């Protein structure tokens, strides 16, 4: 048994199988999800009813829940924050604390809550930019 203990660099870890993602790729995919969740018409959650035929001339009602797109967006921002928390720098700490404190107010209005999450997302994007998460190959670089 080997007594040496070593840890992988989480910034470049690609998993153990034939398919793996680096941490930066995971964050970029989650940013893409946040953009998608924020690019829809925002509506509150509700229950919808659908009537389906049974085959014997009868119908039955099926109820299903349509999630709040506002909550889905806000939750995706919170999860992006959770992913990037270990990378926080001094520049984001102040705005992050201000947003958390504002969201803790139980009397906060829905529009203000959404505006704060958009601001949070902007701060997280700026952090990702500072950390060079958006690095791209230039056209004169060769693929190996």
N, C-alpha and C. Protein backbone atom coordinates (compact mmCIF):
# COMPACT_ATOMS: atom_id res chain seq x y z
N UNK A 1 0.84 -1.18 0.00
CA UNK A 1 0.00 0.00 0.00
C UNK A 1 0.88 1.23 0.00
N UNK A 2 0.51 2.19 -0.85
CA UNK A 2 1.28 3.41 -0.98
C UNK A 2 0.83 4.41 0.08
N UNK A 3 1.77 4.95 0.85
CA UNK A 3 1.44 5.88 1.91
C UNK A 3 1.36 7.32 1.42
N UNK A 4 1.81 7.58 0.18
CA UNK A 4 1.77 8.94 -0.35
C UNK A 4 0.35 9.30 -0.73
N UNK A 5 -0.08 10.45 -0.28
CA UNK A 5 -1.41 10.94 -0.59
C UNK A 5 -1.26 12.15 -1.49
N UNK A 6 -1.95 12.15 -2.63
CA UNK A 6 -1.86 13.29 -3.53
C UNK A 6 -3.26 13.69 -3.96
N UNK A 7 -3.41 14.96 -4.27
CA UNK A 7 -4.69 15.50 -4.69
C UNK A 7 -4.56 16.04 -6.10
N UNK A 8 -5.64 15.92 -6.85
CA UNK A 8 -5.67 16.46 -8.21
C UNK A 8 -5.87 17.97 -8.15
N UNK A 9 -5.34 18.66 -9.14
CA UNK A 9 -5.61 20.08 -9.31
C UNK A 9 -7.03 20.20 -9.86
N UNK A 10 -7.95 20.77 -9.06
CA UNK A 10 -9.36 20.83 -9.45
C UNK A 10 -9.59 21.72 -10.68
N UNK A 11 -8.67 22.64 -10.97
CA UNK A 11 -8.83 23.51 -12.13
C UNK A 11 -8.62 22.76 -13.44
N UNK A 12 -7.87 21.68 -13.39
CA UNK A 12 -7.59 20.94 -14.63
C UNK A 12 -8.08 19.50 -14.59
N UNK A 13 -8.77 19.11 -13.52
CA UNK A 13 -9.26 17.74 -13.38
C UNK A 13 -10.30 17.44 -14.43
N UNK A 14 -10.20 16.29 -15.08
CA UNK A 14 -11.11 15.93 -16.15
C UNK A 14 -11.92 14.68 -15.85
N UNK A 15 -11.91 14.23 -14.62
CA UNK A 15 -12.72 13.07 -14.28
C UNK A 15 -11.99 11.78 -14.55
N UNK A 16 -12.66 10.67 -14.28
CA UNK A 16 -12.01 9.39 -14.38
C UNK A 16 -12.39 8.56 -15.58
N UNK A 17 -13.43 8.95 -16.30
CA UNK A 17 -13.89 8.14 -17.42
C UNK A 17 -13.42 8.69 -18.74
N UNK A 18 -14.09 8.26 -19.80
CA UNK A 18 -13.72 8.72 -21.12
C UNK A 18 -14.24 10.14 -21.38
N UNK A 19 -15.18 10.57 -20.56
CA UNK A 19 -15.73 11.91 -20.70
C UNK A 19 -15.51 12.67 -19.40
N UNK A 20 -14.97 13.84 -19.49
CA UNK A 20 -14.74 14.62 -18.29
C UNK A 20 -14.71 16.10 -18.62
N UNK A 21 -14.98 16.89 -17.62
CA UNK A 21 -14.98 18.33 -17.79
C UNK A 21 -14.03 18.95 -16.78
N UNK A 22 -13.38 20.02 -17.18
CA UNK A 22 -12.59 20.77 -16.22
C UNK A 22 -13.55 21.63 -15.40
N UNK A 23 -13.09 22.14 -14.29
CA UNK A 23 -13.94 23.00 -13.47
C UNK A 23 -14.36 24.23 -14.25
N UNK A 24 -13.46 24.81 -15.02
CA UNK A 24 -13.80 25.97 -15.83
C UNK A 24 -14.90 25.64 -16.83
N UNK A 25 -14.85 24.47 -17.43
CA UNK A 25 -15.90 24.08 -18.37
C UNK A 25 -17.25 23.92 -17.66
N UNK A 26 -17.22 23.38 -16.45
CA UNK A 26 -18.45 23.24 -15.67
C UNK A 26 -19.04 24.63 -15.39
N UNK A 27 -18.20 25.57 -14.99
CA UNK A 27 -18.66 26.93 -14.71
C UNK A 27 -19.21 27.57 -15.99
N UNK A 28 -18.51 27.40 -17.10
CA UNK A 28 -18.98 27.98 -18.37
C UNK A 28 -20.32 27.38 -18.78
N UNK A 29 -20.50 26.08 -18.59
CA UNK A 29 -21.79 25.46 -18.89
C UNK A 29 -22.88 26.01 -17.98
N UNK A 30 -22.53 26.25 -16.73
CA UNK A 30 -23.54 26.79 -15.81
C UNK A 30 -23.86 28.25 -16.15
N UNK A 31 -22.87 29.00 -16.58
CA UNK A 31 -23.12 30.37 -17.04
C UNK A 31 -24.08 30.34 -18.22
N UNK A 32 -23.85 29.41 -19.14
CA UNK A 32 -24.75 29.26 -20.29
C UNK A 32 -26.18 28.95 -19.82
N UNK A 33 -26.30 28.11 -18.81
CA UNK A 33 -27.62 27.78 -18.26
C UNK A 33 -28.28 29.02 -17.65
N UNK A 34 -27.50 29.83 -16.93
CA UNK A 34 -28.03 31.06 -16.34
C UNK A 34 -28.53 32.00 -17.43
N UNK A 35 -27.76 32.12 -18.51
CA UNK A 35 -28.17 32.98 -19.62
C UNK A 35 -29.47 32.44 -20.23
N UNK A 36 -29.56 31.14 -20.43
CA UNK A 36 -30.79 30.54 -20.98
C UNK A 36 -31.97 30.77 -20.05
N UNK A 37 -31.76 30.56 -18.74
CA UNK A 37 -32.85 30.74 -17.77
C UNK A 37 -33.28 32.20 -17.67
N UNK A 38 -32.36 33.11 -17.92
CA UNK A 38 -32.68 34.53 -17.84
C UNK A 38 -33.20 35.10 -19.14
N UNK A 39 -33.21 34.29 -20.20
CA UNK A 39 -33.61 34.76 -21.53
C UNK A 39 -35.02 34.32 -21.91
N UNK A 40 -35.82 34.03 -20.93
CA UNK A 40 -37.20 33.60 -21.19
C UNK A 40 -38.16 34.60 -20.55
N UNK A 41 -39.42 34.48 -20.91
CA UNK A 41 -40.43 35.31 -20.26
C UNK A 41 -40.58 34.82 -18.84
N UNK A 42 -40.44 35.72 -17.91
CA UNK A 42 -40.52 35.33 -16.51
C UNK A 42 -41.97 35.29 -16.05
N UNK A 43 -42.34 34.18 -15.46
CA UNK A 43 -43.69 34.04 -14.90
C UNK A 43 -43.59 33.20 -13.63
N UNK A 44 -44.59 33.37 -12.79
CA UNK A 44 -44.63 32.60 -11.54
C UNK A 44 -45.04 31.17 -11.82
N UNK A 45 -44.79 30.29 -10.87
CA UNK A 45 -45.19 28.90 -11.03
C UNK A 45 -46.69 28.73 -10.89
N UNK A 46 -47.19 27.70 -11.54
CA UNK A 46 -48.62 27.44 -11.47
C UNK A 46 -48.89 25.98 -11.82
N UNK A 47 -50.07 25.54 -11.46
CA UNK A 47 -50.49 24.19 -11.80
C UNK A 47 -51.35 24.26 -13.05
N UNK A 48 -51.07 23.40 -13.99
CA UNK A 48 -51.83 23.35 -15.23
C UNK A 48 -52.61 22.05 -15.28
N UNK A 49 -53.72 22.08 -15.97
CA UNK A 49 -54.55 20.88 -16.11
C UNK A 49 -54.61 20.49 -17.58
N UNK A 50 -54.53 19.20 -17.81
CA UNK A 50 -54.60 18.69 -19.16
C UNK A 50 -55.60 17.54 -19.15
N UNK A 51 -56.51 17.58 -20.10
CA UNK A 51 -57.49 16.50 -20.20
C UNK A 51 -57.04 15.52 -21.24
N UNK A 52 -57.06 14.24 -20.88
CA UNK A 52 -56.60 13.18 -21.78
C UNK A 52 -57.71 12.15 -21.95
N UNK A 53 -57.85 11.66 -23.17
CA UNK A 53 -58.84 10.60 -23.38
C UNK A 53 -58.33 9.27 -22.81
N UNK A 54 -59.25 8.47 -22.31
CA UNK A 54 -58.87 7.18 -21.73
C UNK A 54 -58.94 6.05 -22.76
N UNK A 55 -59.58 6.31 -23.89
CA UNK A 55 -59.73 5.26 -24.89
C UNK A 55 -61.13 4.68 -24.90
N UNK A 56 -61.89 4.89 -23.84
CA UNK A 56 -63.25 4.37 -23.77
C UNK A 56 -64.27 5.50 -23.85
N UNK A 57 -63.88 6.58 -24.49
CA UNK A 57 -64.77 7.72 -24.63
C UNK A 57 -64.77 8.64 -23.43
N UNK A 58 -64.08 8.29 -22.38
CA UNK A 58 -63.97 9.10 -21.17
C UNK A 58 -62.69 9.94 -21.25
N UNK A 59 -62.62 10.93 -20.42
CA UNK A 59 -61.39 11.71 -20.29
C UNK A 59 -61.05 11.81 -18.81
N UNK A 60 -59.79 11.99 -18.55
CA UNK A 60 -59.39 12.24 -17.17
C UNK A 60 -58.49 13.47 -17.15
N UNK A 61 -58.48 14.13 -16.02
CA UNK A 61 -57.70 15.35 -15.87
C UNK A 61 -56.36 15.01 -15.20
N UNK A 62 -55.32 15.49 -15.83
CA UNK A 62 -53.98 15.32 -15.27
C UNK A 62 -53.47 16.71 -14.87
N UNK A 63 -53.02 16.85 -13.65
CA UNK A 63 -52.46 18.12 -13.19
C UNK A 63 -50.94 18.02 -13.16
N UNK A 64 -50.29 19.07 -13.58
CA UNK A 64 -48.84 19.12 -13.51
C UNK A 64 -48.40 20.55 -13.21
N UNK A 65 -47.27 20.65 -12.57
CA UNK A 65 -46.77 21.94 -12.12
C UNK A 65 -45.83 22.55 -13.15
N UNK A 66 -46.03 23.80 -13.45
CA UNK A 66 -45.13 24.57 -14.31
C UNK A 66 -44.27 25.42 -13.37
N UNK A 67 -42.96 25.19 -13.34
CA UNK A 67 -42.11 25.91 -12.39
C UNK A 67 -42.06 27.41 -12.68
N UNK A 68 -41.81 28.17 -11.66
CA UNK A 68 -41.63 29.61 -11.79
C UNK A 68 -40.31 29.87 -12.51
N UNK A 69 -40.39 30.51 -13.67
CA UNK A 69 -39.15 30.80 -14.40
C UNK A 69 -38.30 31.82 -13.64
N UNK A 70 -38.94 32.65 -12.83
CA UNK A 70 -38.20 33.59 -12.01
C UNK A 70 -37.35 32.83 -10.98
N UNK A 71 -37.98 31.86 -10.32
CA UNK A 71 -37.25 31.08 -9.31
C UNK A 71 -36.15 30.23 -9.95
N UNK A 72 -36.43 29.67 -11.12
CA UNK A 72 -35.41 28.87 -11.82
C UNK A 72 -34.20 29.74 -12.13
N UNK A 73 -34.44 30.96 -12.61
CA UNK A 73 -33.34 31.87 -12.90
C UNK A 73 -32.56 32.22 -11.64
N UNK A 74 -33.27 32.62 -10.59
CA UNK A 74 -32.61 33.01 -9.34
C UNK A 74 -31.82 31.84 -8.75
N UNK A 75 -32.38 30.65 -8.81
CA UNK A 75 -31.69 29.46 -8.29
C UNK A 75 -30.44 29.15 -9.11
N UNK A 76 -30.51 29.35 -10.42
CA UNK A 76 -29.32 29.08 -11.25
C UNK A 76 -28.19 30.06 -10.90
N UNK A 77 -28.54 31.31 -10.57
CA UNK A 77 -27.52 32.28 -10.16
C UNK A 77 -26.92 31.86 -8.82
N UNK A 78 -27.77 31.41 -7.90
CA UNK A 78 -27.26 30.96 -6.59
C UNK A 78 -26.31 29.78 -6.74
N UNK A 79 -26.61 28.87 -7.65
CA UNK A 79 -25.74 27.71 -7.85
C UNK A 79 -24.43 28.11 -8.53
N UNK A 80 -24.49 29.09 -9.42
CA UNK A 80 -23.26 29.60 -10.02
C UNK A 80 -22.38 30.22 -8.94
N UNK A 81 -23.01 30.99 -8.04
CA UNK A 81 -22.27 31.56 -6.92
C UNK A 81 -21.62 30.47 -6.09
N UNK A 82 -22.39 29.41 -5.80
CA UNK A 82 -21.86 28.30 -5.00
C UNK A 82 -20.65 27.67 -5.69
N UNK A 83 -20.72 27.52 -6.99
CA UNK A 83 -19.59 26.94 -7.73
C UNK A 83 -18.35 27.82 -7.64
N UNK A 84 -18.55 29.12 -7.71
CA UNK A 84 -17.42 30.04 -7.80
C UNK A 84 -16.95 30.58 -6.45
N UNK A 85 -17.63 30.23 -5.38
CA UNK A 85 -17.33 30.77 -4.05
C UNK A 85 -15.86 30.61 -3.67
N UNK A 86 -15.28 29.48 -3.98
CA UNK A 86 -13.87 29.25 -3.64
C UNK A 86 -12.91 30.11 -4.43
N UNK A 87 -13.39 30.82 -5.44
CA UNK A 87 -12.56 31.68 -6.27
C UNK A 87 -12.81 33.16 -5.99
N UNK A 88 -13.65 33.47 -5.01
CA UNK A 88 -13.97 34.87 -4.73
C UNK A 88 -12.70 35.65 -4.40
N UNK A 89 -12.65 36.88 -4.92
CA UNK A 89 -11.54 37.78 -4.63
C UNK A 89 -12.08 38.98 -3.85
N UNK A 90 -11.19 39.87 -3.47
CA UNK A 90 -11.59 41.03 -2.66
C UNK A 90 -12.60 41.92 -3.38
N UNK A 91 -12.52 41.96 -4.70
CA UNK A 91 -13.37 42.86 -5.47
C UNK A 91 -14.85 42.44 -5.44
N UNK A 92 -15.12 41.15 -5.30
CA UNK A 92 -16.51 40.68 -5.32
C UNK A 92 -17.12 40.57 -3.91
N UNK A 93 -16.29 40.53 -2.90
CA UNK A 93 -16.79 40.31 -1.54
C UNK A 93 -17.80 41.38 -1.09
N UNK A 94 -17.53 42.64 -1.36
CA UNK A 94 -18.43 43.72 -0.96
C UNK A 94 -19.80 43.62 -1.65
N UNK A 95 -19.81 43.59 -2.99
CA UNK A 95 -21.10 43.47 -3.69
C UNK A 95 -21.86 42.19 -3.33
N UNK A 96 -21.14 41.09 -3.14
CA UNK A 96 -21.78 39.83 -2.77
C UNK A 96 -22.47 39.96 -1.42
N UNK A 97 -21.79 40.54 -0.45
CA UNK A 97 -22.36 40.71 0.89
C UNK A 97 -23.59 41.63 0.83
N UNK A 98 -23.50 42.70 0.05
CA UNK A 98 -24.61 43.64 -0.08
C UNK A 98 -25.84 42.94 -0.67
N UNK A 99 -25.64 42.12 -1.66
CA UNK A 99 -26.76 41.41 -2.30
C UNK A 99 -27.37 40.40 -1.34
N UNK A 100 -26.54 39.65 -0.64
CA UNK A 100 -27.05 38.67 0.32
C UNK A 100 -27.88 39.36 1.40
N UNK A 101 -27.39 40.48 1.91
CA UNK A 101 -28.12 41.21 2.94
C UNK A 101 -29.45 41.74 2.41
N UNK A 102 -29.45 42.26 1.18
CA UNK A 102 -30.68 42.78 0.59
C UNK A 102 -31.70 41.66 0.36
N UNK A 103 -31.23 40.50 -0.06
CA UNK A 103 -32.13 39.36 -0.31
C UNK A 103 -32.68 38.78 0.99
N UNK A 104 -31.99 39.01 2.10
CA UNK A 104 -32.45 38.49 3.39
C UNK A 104 -33.67 39.26 3.91
N UNK A 105 -33.91 40.43 3.34
CA UNK A 105 -35.07 41.24 3.74
C UNK A 105 -36.34 40.51 3.30
N UNK A 106 -37.17 40.13 4.25
CA UNK A 106 -38.38 39.37 3.93
C UNK A 106 -39.44 40.22 3.22
N UNK A 107 -39.26 41.53 3.25
CA UNK A 107 -40.24 42.42 2.61
C UNK A 107 -39.82 42.81 1.19
N UNK A 108 -38.77 42.17 0.67
CA UNK A 108 -38.25 42.53 -0.65
C UNK A 108 -39.30 42.23 -1.73
N UNK A 109 -39.45 43.15 -2.65
CA UNK A 109 -40.39 42.98 -3.75
C UNK A 109 -39.77 42.11 -4.84
N UNK A 110 -40.63 41.42 -5.60
CA UNK A 110 -40.17 40.47 -6.63
C UNK A 110 -39.26 41.14 -7.67
N UNK A 111 -39.64 42.34 -8.13
CA UNK A 111 -38.81 43.03 -9.14
C UNK A 111 -37.43 43.36 -8.58
N UNK A 112 -37.36 43.75 -7.32
CA UNK A 112 -36.07 44.05 -6.68
C UNK A 112 -35.24 42.77 -6.55
N UNK A 113 -35.90 41.68 -6.19
CA UNK A 113 -35.22 40.39 -6.07
C UNK A 113 -34.60 39.99 -7.41
N UNK A 114 -35.34 40.15 -8.47
CA UNK A 114 -34.81 39.81 -9.80
C UNK A 114 -33.66 40.73 -10.18
N UNK A 115 -33.81 42.02 -9.89
CA UNK A 115 -32.74 42.98 -10.20
C UNK A 115 -31.46 42.63 -9.44
N UNK A 116 -31.59 42.24 -8.19
CA UNK A 116 -30.42 41.84 -7.40
C UNK A 116 -29.75 40.60 -7.98
N UNK A 117 -30.55 39.64 -8.45
CA UNK A 117 -29.97 38.44 -9.05
C UNK A 117 -29.27 38.75 -10.37
N UNK A 118 -29.81 39.68 -11.14
CA UNK A 118 -29.13 40.11 -12.37
C UNK A 118 -27.80 40.77 -12.01
N UNK A 119 -27.82 41.62 -10.99
CA UNK A 119 -26.58 42.27 -10.53
C UNK A 119 -25.57 41.22 -10.05
N UNK A 120 -26.05 40.22 -9.32
CA UNK A 120 -25.20 39.13 -8.84
C UNK A 120 -24.56 38.41 -10.01
N UNK A 121 -25.37 38.11 -11.01
CA UNK A 121 -24.87 37.42 -12.20
C UNK A 121 -23.79 38.26 -12.87
N UNK A 122 -24.03 39.56 -12.99
CA UNK A 122 -23.02 40.44 -13.59
C UNK A 122 -21.72 40.41 -12.82
N UNK A 123 -21.80 40.43 -11.47
CA UNK A 123 -20.60 40.38 -10.63
C UNK A 123 -19.86 39.05 -10.82
N UNK A 124 -20.62 37.96 -10.94
CA UNK A 124 -20.00 36.64 -11.13
C UNK A 124 -19.35 36.53 -12.51
N UNK A 125 -19.96 37.14 -13.51
CA UNK A 125 -19.35 37.15 -14.85
C UNK A 125 -18.05 37.95 -14.83
N UNK A 126 -18.06 39.10 -14.15
CA UNK A 126 -16.83 39.89 -14.05
C UNK A 126 -15.75 39.11 -13.30
N UNK A 127 -16.13 38.37 -12.26
CA UNK A 127 -15.16 37.53 -11.55
C UNK A 127 -14.59 36.46 -12.49
N UNK A 128 -15.47 35.80 -13.23
CA UNK A 128 -15.01 34.77 -14.18
C UNK A 128 -14.06 35.38 -15.21
N UNK A 129 -14.33 36.59 -15.63
CA UNK A 129 -13.44 37.27 -16.57
C UNK A 129 -12.08 37.56 -15.93
N UNK A 130 -12.11 38.05 -14.68
CA UNK A 130 -10.84 38.31 -13.97
C UNK A 130 -10.04 37.02 -13.80
N UNK A 131 -10.73 35.91 -13.62
CA UNK A 131 -10.05 34.62 -13.43
C UNK A 131 -9.69 33.95 -14.76
N UNK A 132 -9.99 34.63 -15.86
CA UNK A 132 -9.68 34.14 -17.20
C UNK A 132 -10.42 32.84 -17.54
N UNK A 133 -11.65 32.71 -17.07
CA UNK A 133 -12.46 31.53 -17.40
C UNK A 133 -12.89 31.54 -18.86
N UNK A 134 -12.82 32.70 -19.52
CA UNK A 134 -13.29 32.82 -20.90
C UNK A 134 -12.16 32.78 -21.90
N UNK A 135 -11.02 32.22 -21.50
CA UNK A 135 -9.88 32.19 -22.40
C UNK A 135 -10.23 31.46 -23.68
N UNK A 136 -9.75 31.98 -24.79
CA UNK A 136 -10.01 31.39 -26.09
C UNK A 136 -8.70 31.23 -26.84
N UNK A 137 -8.69 30.25 -27.70
CA UNK A 137 -7.52 30.09 -28.57
C UNK A 137 -7.58 31.14 -29.67
N UNK A 138 -6.41 31.68 -30.01
CA UNK A 138 -6.38 32.61 -31.13
C UNK A 138 -6.28 31.83 -32.42
N UNK A 139 -6.55 32.48 -33.52
CA UNK A 139 -6.58 31.78 -34.80
C UNK A 139 -5.22 31.24 -35.21
N UNK A 140 -4.12 31.79 -34.68
CA UNK A 140 -2.80 31.31 -35.07
C UNK A 140 -2.27 30.21 -34.15
N UNK A 141 -3.07 29.82 -33.15
CA UNK A 141 -2.65 28.69 -32.29
C UNK A 141 -3.04 27.40 -32.97
N UNK A 142 -2.19 26.40 -32.85
CA UNK A 142 -2.46 25.09 -33.45
C UNK A 142 -3.15 24.18 -32.45
N UNK A 143 -4.12 23.42 -32.91
CA UNK A 143 -4.72 22.40 -32.06
C UNK A 143 -3.80 21.20 -32.04
N UNK A 144 -3.59 20.65 -30.86
CA UNK A 144 -2.70 19.48 -30.74
C UNK A 144 -3.48 18.21 -30.91
